[in-house]
Protein backbone atom coordinates (compact mmCIF):
# COMPACT_ATOMS: atom_id res chain seq x y z
CA UNK A 1 150.06 73.83 92.33
CA UNK A 2 147.32 71.46 93.41
CA UNK A 3 144.26 71.35 91.18
CA UNK A 4 142.38 68.86 93.37
CA UNK A 5 139.42 70.22 95.33
CA UNK A 6 139.45 70.11 99.11
CA UNK A 7 137.08 67.61 100.71
CA UNK A 8 135.29 67.77 104.04
CA UNK A 9 137.81 65.87 106.17
CA UNK A 10 141.08 67.02 104.63
CA UNK A 11 141.84 69.53 107.37
CA UNK A 12 141.23 66.92 110.07
CA UNK A 13 143.62 64.53 108.35
CA UNK A 14 146.34 67.19 108.18
CA UNK A 15 145.87 68.22 111.81
CA UNK A 16 145.86 64.58 112.87
CA UNK A 17 149.10 63.97 111.00
CA UNK A 18 150.83 66.89 112.68
CA UNK A 19 149.59 65.89 116.14
CA UNK A 20 150.70 62.30 115.49
CA UNK A 21 154.19 63.48 114.51
CA UNK A 22 154.46 65.61 117.66
CA UNK A 23 153.49 62.57 119.73
CA UNK A 24 155.97 60.35 117.89
CA UNK A 25 158.76 62.85 118.48
CA UNK A 26 157.81 63.07 122.15
CA UNK A 27 157.92 59.28 122.36
CA UNK A 28 161.42 59.19 120.94
CA UNK A 29 162.58 61.89 123.34
CA UNK A 30 161.09 60.26 126.42
CA UNK A 31 162.28 56.74 125.59
CA UNK A 32 165.85 57.75 124.69
CA UNK A 33 167.02 58.26 128.31
CA UNK A 34 165.93 54.72 129.14
CA UNK A 35 168.34 53.36 126.54
CA UNK A 36 171.11 55.85 127.28
CA UNK A 37 171.12 55.11 130.99
CA UNK A 38 170.34 58.67 132.05
CA UNK A 39 167.66 59.91 134.41
CA UNK A 40 164.17 59.34 132.92
CA UNK A 41 161.81 62.24 132.36
CA UNK A 42 159.00 62.94 134.87
CA UNK A 43 155.56 61.41 134.33
CA UNK A 44 153.96 64.46 132.61
CA UNK A 45 156.44 64.07 129.76
CA UNK A 46 155.00 60.63 129.04
CA UNK A 47 151.50 62.09 128.74
CA UNK A 48 152.66 64.07 125.71
CA UNK A 49 153.35 60.72 124.04
CA UNK A 50 149.63 60.07 124.07
CA UNK A 51 149.30 62.64 121.32
CA UNK A 52 150.18 59.85 118.90
CA UNK A 53 146.85 58.19 119.64
CA UNK A 54 144.96 61.48 119.56
CA UNK A 55 146.50 62.35 116.20
CA UNK A 56 145.72 58.92 114.79
CA UNK A 57 142.09 59.17 115.93
CA UNK A 58 141.77 62.69 114.49
CA UNK A 59 143.17 61.61 111.13
CA UNK A 60 140.89 58.56 111.08
CA UNK A 61 137.87 60.78 111.80
CA UNK A 62 138.92 63.01 108.90
CA UNK A 63 139.17 60.02 106.58
CA UNK A 64 135.72 58.80 107.60
CA UNK A 65 134.27 62.28 107.12
CA UNK A 66 135.91 62.64 103.70
CA UNK A 67 134.69 59.22 102.57
CA UNK A 68 131.14 59.98 103.70
CA UNK A 69 131.20 63.29 101.84
CA UNK A 70 132.46 61.65 98.66
CA UNK A 71 129.84 58.92 98.99
CA UNK A 72 127.06 61.54 99.28
CA UNK A 73 128.40 63.38 96.23
CA UNK A 74 128.51 60.15 94.21
CA UNK A 75 124.96 59.24 95.21
CA UNK A 76 123.62 62.67 94.29
CA UNK A 77 125.37 62.48 90.90
CA UNK A 78 123.73 59.12 90.15
CA UNK A 79 120.27 60.12 91.39
CA UNK A 80 119.58 63.73 90.39
CA UNK A 81 116.64 65.32 92.25
CA UNK A 82 113.40 65.44 90.28
């Protein structure tokens, strides 16, 4: 059981990780025929490989959002409103 609280960008990081893994798997599948000497996949299959970049960018956005949220929380703890 996780006792840690969820931060603002945690969901984006998880979604980005899953999308990245889908893109990585697609990359392995589309590159394998090139090494095995079989017929390569059609061009649309290679577009699925671009999900690696999309997933990486999504996870990075989640990390930035989480860091900004934690920074705001730390600032408000140091400077309580008067």
